[in-house]
Amino acid sequence: MAQSNCTQVTQFSLVGFTEEPLTQGNLFLLFLLTYLVTIVGNLGIIILIRASPHLHSPMYYFLANLAFVDLCSSTIITPKVLVDLMLDKKSIAYAGCVAQVFLFQLFGMTECFLLAAMAYDRYVAICHPLLYPLVMSPKCCFQLVTGSYLVGLTNGVGQTISMSTLSFCSSSTINLFFCDIPPLISLSTSNTTLSHIILTTAASLLGVSSSLVVLLSYVAIILTILSISSAQGKRKAFSTCTSHLTTVSIFYGASCFTYLNPTSDSSRGADEWAVVLYTIVTPMLNPLIYSLRNKEVKEALRRLLKMK
């Protein structure tokens, strides 16, 4: 009966980082700088790959799409965080929360599968170099990227449907600085069985499958590298995948800590900063990793600068 008399909330309150004005100002500057670097870095990677013919290869095709996804993921979260740091009342409309959940889940899962596709690309390049041009054809690369976006879209739609089944009567305060499914499920006053099923299914079928592709690819890569007799050959083979391995480690490390670490009141601060690493910092780090550690990218940048 109480549930039938429920008045659905029209907006949610978001829990900020701190109420201290000086700290909020410092965080605003820090996150603004991070977001600007994210925009410049990822747009720079996309433009550089498009403008440099010798970067028109499968690995850089995947990297350009990864940069686009990182740019979108950061834009979904960071501008709202920056606005909220300047306001006393931190809130988001219900429709805005739905949109944020949909887009964040879409691009988050898309990135998982793009990283898996990049791991498979490195596996074929190192373990089966003679078959590489045949296996990683333009058609195959297009299908892998398109498939990644379609899986991300499926996840986004599924999580949005999950949110639409939830009711919020007694409380409208989300214990996070943006809308995400786990805190919304905890906040809901209705039956959350369907939401838990959708969340668990997405994590099991989609998240675990992409992780297994990455793991198995790198197991095969490491075994192949160890079988190379010369030290120089080992270094050359491993150098082709260090940037991707670093990106994968940061992304999956932050996401696992964010979603698999049980939350308590005493650990909320640490969990919150893990979410910051996953949602705000990681999209900034990826272009820096590929530009600083990749000789081909640095050489392409030097050529482009000389042309101008």
Protein backbone atom coordinates (compact mmCIF):
# COMPACT_ATOMS: atom_id res chain seq x y z
CA MET A 1 0.00 0.00 0.00
CA ALA A 2 2.80 2.34 0.91
CA GLN A 3 4.44 1.57 -2.40
CA SER A 4 1.26 2.49 -4.33
CA ASN A 5 1.21 5.89 -2.58
CA CYS A 6 4.83 6.54 -3.54
CA THR A 7 5.57 9.91 -5.14
CA GLN A 8 8.36 9.41 -7.67
CA VAL A 9 11.27 11.80 -7.26
CA THR A 10 11.90 14.39 -9.97
CA GLN A 11 15.53 15.01 -9.05
CA PHE A 12 18.35 13.46 -7.03
CA SER A 13 20.81 15.07 -4.65
CA LEU A 14 24.44 14.13 -5.20
CA VAL A 15 27.02 13.70 -2.45
CA GLY A 16 30.00 15.96 -3.16
CA PHE A 17 33.61 15.55 -2.17
CA THR A 18 33.68 18.13 0.60
CA GLU A 19 31.81 21.17 1.94
CA GLU A 20 35.03 23.14 2.56
CA PRO A 21 35.07 26.10 0.09
CA LEU A 22 38.88 26.20 -0.26
CA THR A 23 39.08 22.45 -0.96
CA GLN A 24 36.21 22.71 -3.44
CA GLY A 25 38.08 25.48 -5.28
CA ASN A 26 41.25 23.40 -5.42
CA LEU A 27 39.35 20.36 -6.67
CA PHE A 28 37.64 22.51 -9.31
CA LEU A 29 41.02 23.64 -10.66
CA LEU A 30 42.41 20.10 -10.52
CA PHE A 31 39.45 18.52 -12.34
CA LEU A 32 39.29 21.39 -14.86
CA LEU A 33 42.97 20.88 -15.72
CA THR A 34 42.40 17.12 -15.96
CA TYR A 35 39.43 17.61 -18.29
CA LEU A 36 41.31 20.05 -20.53
CA VAL A 37 44.21 17.62 -20.83
CA THR A 38 41.71 14.84 -21.60
CA ILE A 39 40.11 16.87 -24.40
CA VAL A 40 43.40 18.03 -25.92
CA GLY A 41 45.06 14.61 -25.56
CA ASN A 42 42.28 12.49 -27.01
CA LEU A 43 41.39 14.94 -29.80
CA GLY A 44 45.10 15.18 -30.57
CA ILE A 45 45.40 11.39 -30.87
CA ILE A 46 42.38 11.25 -33.22
CA ILE A 47 43.64 14.10 -35.43
CA LEU A 48 47.20 12.74 -35.48
CA ILE A 49 46.08 9.27 -36.57
CA ARG A 50 43.83 10.68 -39.30
CA ALA A 51 46.57 13.04 -40.56
CA SER A 52 49.44 10.50 -40.55
CA PRO A 53 49.24 7.86 -43.32
CA HIS A 54 51.79 5.56 -41.66
CA LEU A 55 49.48 5.34 -38.62
CA HIS A 56 46.64 3.96 -40.76
CA SER A 57 46.96 0.45 -39.32
CA PRO A 58 44.60 -1.72 -37.22
CA MET A 59 46.27 -0.86 -33.90
CA TYR A 60 45.87 2.89 -34.44
CA TYR A 61 42.36 2.47 -35.83
CA PHE A 62 41.41 0.91 -32.50
CA LEU A 63 43.35 3.60 -30.62
CA ALA A 64 41.46 6.40 -32.39
CA ASN A 65 38.15 4.82 -31.36
CA LEU A 66 39.44 4.35 -27.80
CA ALA A 67 40.34 8.07 -27.71
CA PHE A 68 36.82 8.95 -28.91
CA VAL A 69 35.24 6.75 -26.22
CA ASP A 70 37.47 8.24 -23.52
CA LEU A 71 36.54 11.74 -24.66
CA CYS A 72 32.82 10.91 -24.47
CA SER A 73 33.12 9.10 -21.12
CA SER A 74 34.88 12.04 -19.53
CA THR A 75 32.39 14.55 -20.96
CA ILE A 76 29.47 12.62 -19.45
CA ILE A 77 30.86 13.02 -15.91
CA THR A 78 33.43 15.81 -15.53
CA PRO A 79 31.51 18.95 -16.66
CA LYS A 80 28.69 18.13 -14.19
CA VAL A 81 31.24 17.59 -11.42
CA LEU A 82 32.83 20.97 -12.19
CA VAL A 83 29.44 22.72 -12.04
CA ASP A 84 28.53 20.99 -8.76
CA LEU A 85 31.81 22.05 -7.14
CA MET A 86 30.72 25.65 -7.61
CA LEU A 87 27.21 25.12 -6.20
CA ASP A 88 25.96 24.68 -2.65
CA LYS A 89 23.13 22.38 -3.76
CA LYS A 90 24.37 19.48 -5.87
CA SER A 91 21.50 17.85 -7.74
CA ILE A 92 20.54 16.24 -11.04
CA ALA A 93 17.10 15.87 -12.64
CA TYR A 94 15.65 12.37 -12.98
CA ALA A 95 15.82 12.60 -16.79
CA GLY A 96 19.43 13.77 -16.57
CA CYS A 97 20.23 10.86 -14.26
CA VAL A 98 18.70 8.39 -16.74
CA ALA A 99 20.73 9.92 -19.58
CA GLN A 100 23.93 9.80 -17.53
CA VAL A 101 23.39 6.13 -16.64
CA PHE A 102 22.68 5.22 -20.28
CA LEU A 103 25.70 7.03 -21.75
CA PHE A 104 28.13 6.04 -19.00
CA GLN A 105 27.20 2.38 -19.28
CA LEU A 106 27.28 2.54 -23.09
CA PHE A 107 30.79 3.97 -23.34
CA GLY A 108 32.11 2.05 -20.33
CA MET A 109 31.25 -1.33 -21.85
CA THR A 110 32.36 -0.16 -25.31
CA GLU A 111 35.79 0.59 -23.85
CA CYS A 112 35.97 -2.90 -22.33
CA PHE A 113 35.44 -4.50 -25.73
CA LEU A 114 37.72 -2.07 -27.56
CA LEU A 115 40.52 -2.99 -25.14
CA ALA A 116 39.73 -6.66 -25.81
CA ALA A 117 39.90 -6.04 -29.58
CA MET A 118 43.25 -4.27 -29.14
CA ALA A 119 44.55 -7.21 -27.10
CA TYR A 120 43.48 -9.61 -29.85
CA ASP A 121 45.20 -7.37 -32.40
CA ARG A 122 48.47 -7.57 -30.43
CA TYR A 123 48.04 -11.35 -30.07
CA VAL A 124 47.76 -11.83 -33.84
CA ALA A 125 50.64 -9.41 -34.53
CA ILE A 126 53.07 -11.15 -32.14
CA CYS A 127 51.94 -14.78 -32.19
CA HIS A 128 50.90 -15.06 -35.87
CA PRO A 129 52.71 -12.24 -37.73
CA LEU A 130 52.46 -13.91 -41.15
CA LEU A 131 48.67 -14.12 -40.87
CA TYR A 132 48.29 -10.58 -39.51
CA PRO A 133 47.39 -8.80 -42.80
CA LEU A 134 44.81 -11.49 -43.58
CA VAL A 135 43.24 -11.77 -40.11
CA MET A 136 43.22 -8.08 -39.20
CA SER A 137 41.75 -6.90 -42.48
CA PRO A 138 39.91 -3.55 -42.69
CA LYS A 139 36.61 -5.45 -42.74
CA CYS A 140 37.51 -7.39 -39.58
CA CYS A 141 38.65 -4.23 -37.78
CA PHE A 142 35.42 -2.44 -38.71
CA GLN A 143 33.36 -5.39 -37.45
CA LEU A 144 35.27 -5.50 -34.14
CA VAL A 145 34.79 -1.78 -33.54
CA THR A 146 31.14 -1.83 -34.61
CA GLY A 147 30.55 -4.87 -32.40
CA SER A 148 32.10 -3.04 -29.44
CA TYR A 149 29.71 -0.10 -29.86
CA LEU A 150 26.71 -2.44 -30.29
CA VAL A 151 27.60 -4.33 -27.11
CA GLY A 152 27.98 -1.01 -25.31
CA LEU A 153 24.59 0.11 -26.65
CA THR A 154 23.00 -3.12 -25.47
CA ASN A 155 24.46 -2.62 -22.01
CA GLY A 156 23.34 1.01 -21.90
CA VAL A 157 19.77 0.12 -22.89
CA GLY A 158 19.69 -2.77 -20.40
CA GLN A 159 20.88 -0.63 -17.48
CA THR A 160 18.43 2.14 -18.44
CA ILE A 161 15.57 -0.38 -18.41
CA SER A 162 16.88 -1.53 -15.03
CA MET A 163 16.68 2.03 -13.68
CA SER A 164 13.17 2.55 -15.09
CA THR A 165 11.88 -0.31 -12.91
CA LEU A 166 13.14 1.30 -9.71
CA SER A 167 11.08 3.54 -7.41
CA PHE A 168 12.57 6.15 -5.08
CA CYS A 169 10.22 7.25 -2.30
CA SER A 170 11.95 7.73 1.03
CA SER A 171 15.28 9.18 -0.09
CA SER A 172 16.69 10.92 -3.15
CA THR A 173 20.33 11.32 -2.08
CA ILE A 174 22.80 9.37 -4.23
CA ASN A 175 25.93 8.46 -2.31
CA LEU A 176 28.19 9.41 -5.23
CA PHE A 177 29.05 12.46 -7.37
CA PHE A 178 27.23 11.10 -10.46
CA CYS A 179 24.43 8.67 -11.34
CA ASP A 180 25.42 5.01 -11.53
CA ILE A 181 23.39 1.83 -11.23
CA PRO A 182 24.82 0.30 -7.97
CA PRO A 183 24.07 3.35 -5.74
CA LEU A 184 20.66 3.74 -7.41
CA ILE A 185 19.79 0.12 -6.60
CA SER A 186 20.83 0.71 -2.98
CA LEU A 187 18.66 3.84 -2.88
CA SER A 188 15.55 2.23 -4.39
CA THR A 189 12.50 1.47 -2.26
CA SER A 190 11.03 -0.99 -4.77
CA ASN A 191 11.86 -4.59 -5.65
CA THR A 192 15.38 -4.61 -7.11
CA THR A 193 15.47 -8.24 -8.29
CA LEU A 194 15.29 -7.39 -12.01
CA SER A 195 17.94 -4.67 -11.61
CA HIS A 196 20.28 -7.08 -9.85
CA ILE A 197 19.71 -9.69 -12.58
CA ILE A 198 20.50 -7.19 -15.36
CA LEU A 199 23.57 -5.87 -13.54
CA THR A 200 24.89 -9.37 -12.74
CA THR A 201 24.21 -10.62 -16.28
CA ALA A 202 26.00 -7.65 -17.84
CA ALA A 203 28.97 -8.06 -15.54
CA SER A 204 29.15 -11.85 -16.07
CA LEU A 205 28.50 -12.14 -19.80
CA LEU A 206 29.98 -8.89 -21.06
CA GLY A 207 32.56 -7.74 -18.51
CA VAL A 208 34.03 -11.19 -17.80
CA SER A 209 34.09 -12.23 -21.47
CA SER A 210 36.03 -9.11 -22.53
CA SER A 211 38.41 -9.57 -19.58
CA LEU A 212 39.03 -13.21 -20.59
CA VAL A 213 39.92 -12.16 -24.14
CA VAL A 214 42.49 -9.70 -22.75
CA LEU A 215 43.86 -12.25 -20.26
CA LEU A 216 44.16 -15.15 -22.72
CA SER A 217 45.67 -12.89 -25.40
CA TYR A 218 48.40 -11.72 -23.06
CA VAL A 219 49.09 -15.22 -21.75
CA ALA A 220 49.71 -16.31 -25.35
CA ILE A 221 51.76 -13.16 -26.03
CA ILE A 222 53.99 -13.69 -22.98
CA LEU A 223 54.56 -17.36 -23.86
CA THR A 224 55.48 -16.38 -27.43
CA ILE A 225 57.87 -13.65 -26.24
CA LEU A 226 59.56 -16.05 -23.80
CA SER A 227 60.17 -18.49 -26.64
CA ILE A 228 62.15 -15.87 -28.60
CA SER A 229 65.85 -16.62 -28.28
CA SER A 230 67.41 -13.14 -28.58
CA ALA A 231 67.03 -10.49 -25.90
CA GLN A 232 66.64 -7.82 -28.56
CA GLY A 233 63.81 -9.76 -30.19
CA LYS A 234 62.05 -10.08 -26.84
CA ARG A 235 62.36 -6.34 -26.16
CA LYS A 236 61.09 -5.44 -29.63
CA ALA A 237 58.08 -7.78 -29.34
CA PHE A 238 57.18 -6.60 -25.85
CA SER A 239 57.56 -2.91 -26.77
CA THR A 240 54.68 -3.22 -29.25
CA CYS A 241 52.19 -3.98 -26.48
CA THR A 242 53.50 -2.13 -23.38
CA SER A 243 51.26 0.92 -23.95
CA HIS A 244 48.14 -1.23 -24.29
CA LEU A 245 49.10 -3.39 -21.32
CA THR A 246 49.56 -0.25 -19.18
CA THR A 247 46.15 1.09 -20.29
CA VAL A 248 44.45 -2.26 -19.60
CA SER A 249 46.03 -2.51 -16.14
CA ILE A 250 44.85 0.98 -15.13
CA PHE A 251 41.34 0.56 -16.57
CA TYR A 252 40.59 -2.89 -15.16
CA GLY A 253 42.38 -2.17 -11.87
CA ALA A 254 40.31 0.97 -11.26
CA SER A 255 37.03 -0.60 -12.44
CA CYS A 256 37.50 -3.73 -10.29
CA PHE A 257 38.29 -1.64 -7.21
CA THR A 258 35.25 0.54 -7.95
CA TYR A 259 32.67 -2.21 -8.52
CA LEU A 260 34.05 -5.25 -6.65
CA ASN A 261 35.28 -3.57 -3.47
CA PRO A 262 32.63 -3.74 -0.71
CA THR A 263 31.74 -0.23 0.47
CA SER A 264 31.57 0.82 4.09
CA ASP A 265 31.31 4.21 5.78
CA SER A 266 34.95 4.09 6.82
CA SER A 267 36.14 3.30 3.31
CA ARG A 268 33.83 5.67 1.39
CA GLY A 269 36.59 8.24 0.89
CA ALA A 270 38.94 5.69 -0.65
CA ASP A 271 36.14 4.27 -2.81
CA GLU A 272 35.23 7.77 -3.99
CA TRP A 273 38.77 8.46 -5.17
CA ALA A 274 38.88 5.09 -6.91
CA VAL A 275 35.77 6.18 -8.83
CA VAL A 276 37.54 9.47 -9.67
CA LEU A 277 40.48 7.46 -11.05
CA TYR A 278 38.11 5.31 -13.12
CA THR A 279 35.83 8.06 -14.46
CA ILE A 280 37.96 11.23 -14.65
CA VAL A 281 41.67 10.37 -14.53
CA THR A 282 41.85 7.24 -16.72
CA PRO A 283 40.48 8.99 -19.88
CA MET A 284 43.27 11.55 -19.44
CA LEU A 285 46.02 8.96 -18.96
CA ASN A 286 45.37 6.87 -22.09
CA PRO A 287 46.53 9.45 -24.68
CA LEU A 288 49.50 10.36 -22.47
CA ILE A 289 50.55 6.70 -22.23
CA TYR A 290 50.34 6.16 -25.99
CA SER A 291 52.06 9.45 -26.86
CA LEU A 292 54.90 9.18 -24.33
CA ARG A 293 55.63 5.45 -24.69
CA ASN A 294 54.98 4.92 -28.40
CA LYS A 295 57.80 5.75 -30.82
CA GLU A 296 55.55 5.72 -33.89
CA VAL A 297 53.16 8.25 -32.35
CA LYS A 298 56.02 10.53 -31.30
CA GLU A 299 57.59 10.28 -34.76
CA ALA A 300 54.24 11.07 -36.42
CA LEU A 301 53.84 14.11 -34.17
CA ARG A 302 57.33 15.35 -35.08
CA ARG A 303 56.58 14.96 -38.81
CA LEU A 304 53.28 16.78 -38.46
CA LEU A 305 54.91 19.67 -36.59
CA LYS A 306 57.67 19.95 -39.22
CA MET A 307 55.06 20.17 -42.00
CA LYS A 308 53.55 23.18 -40.26
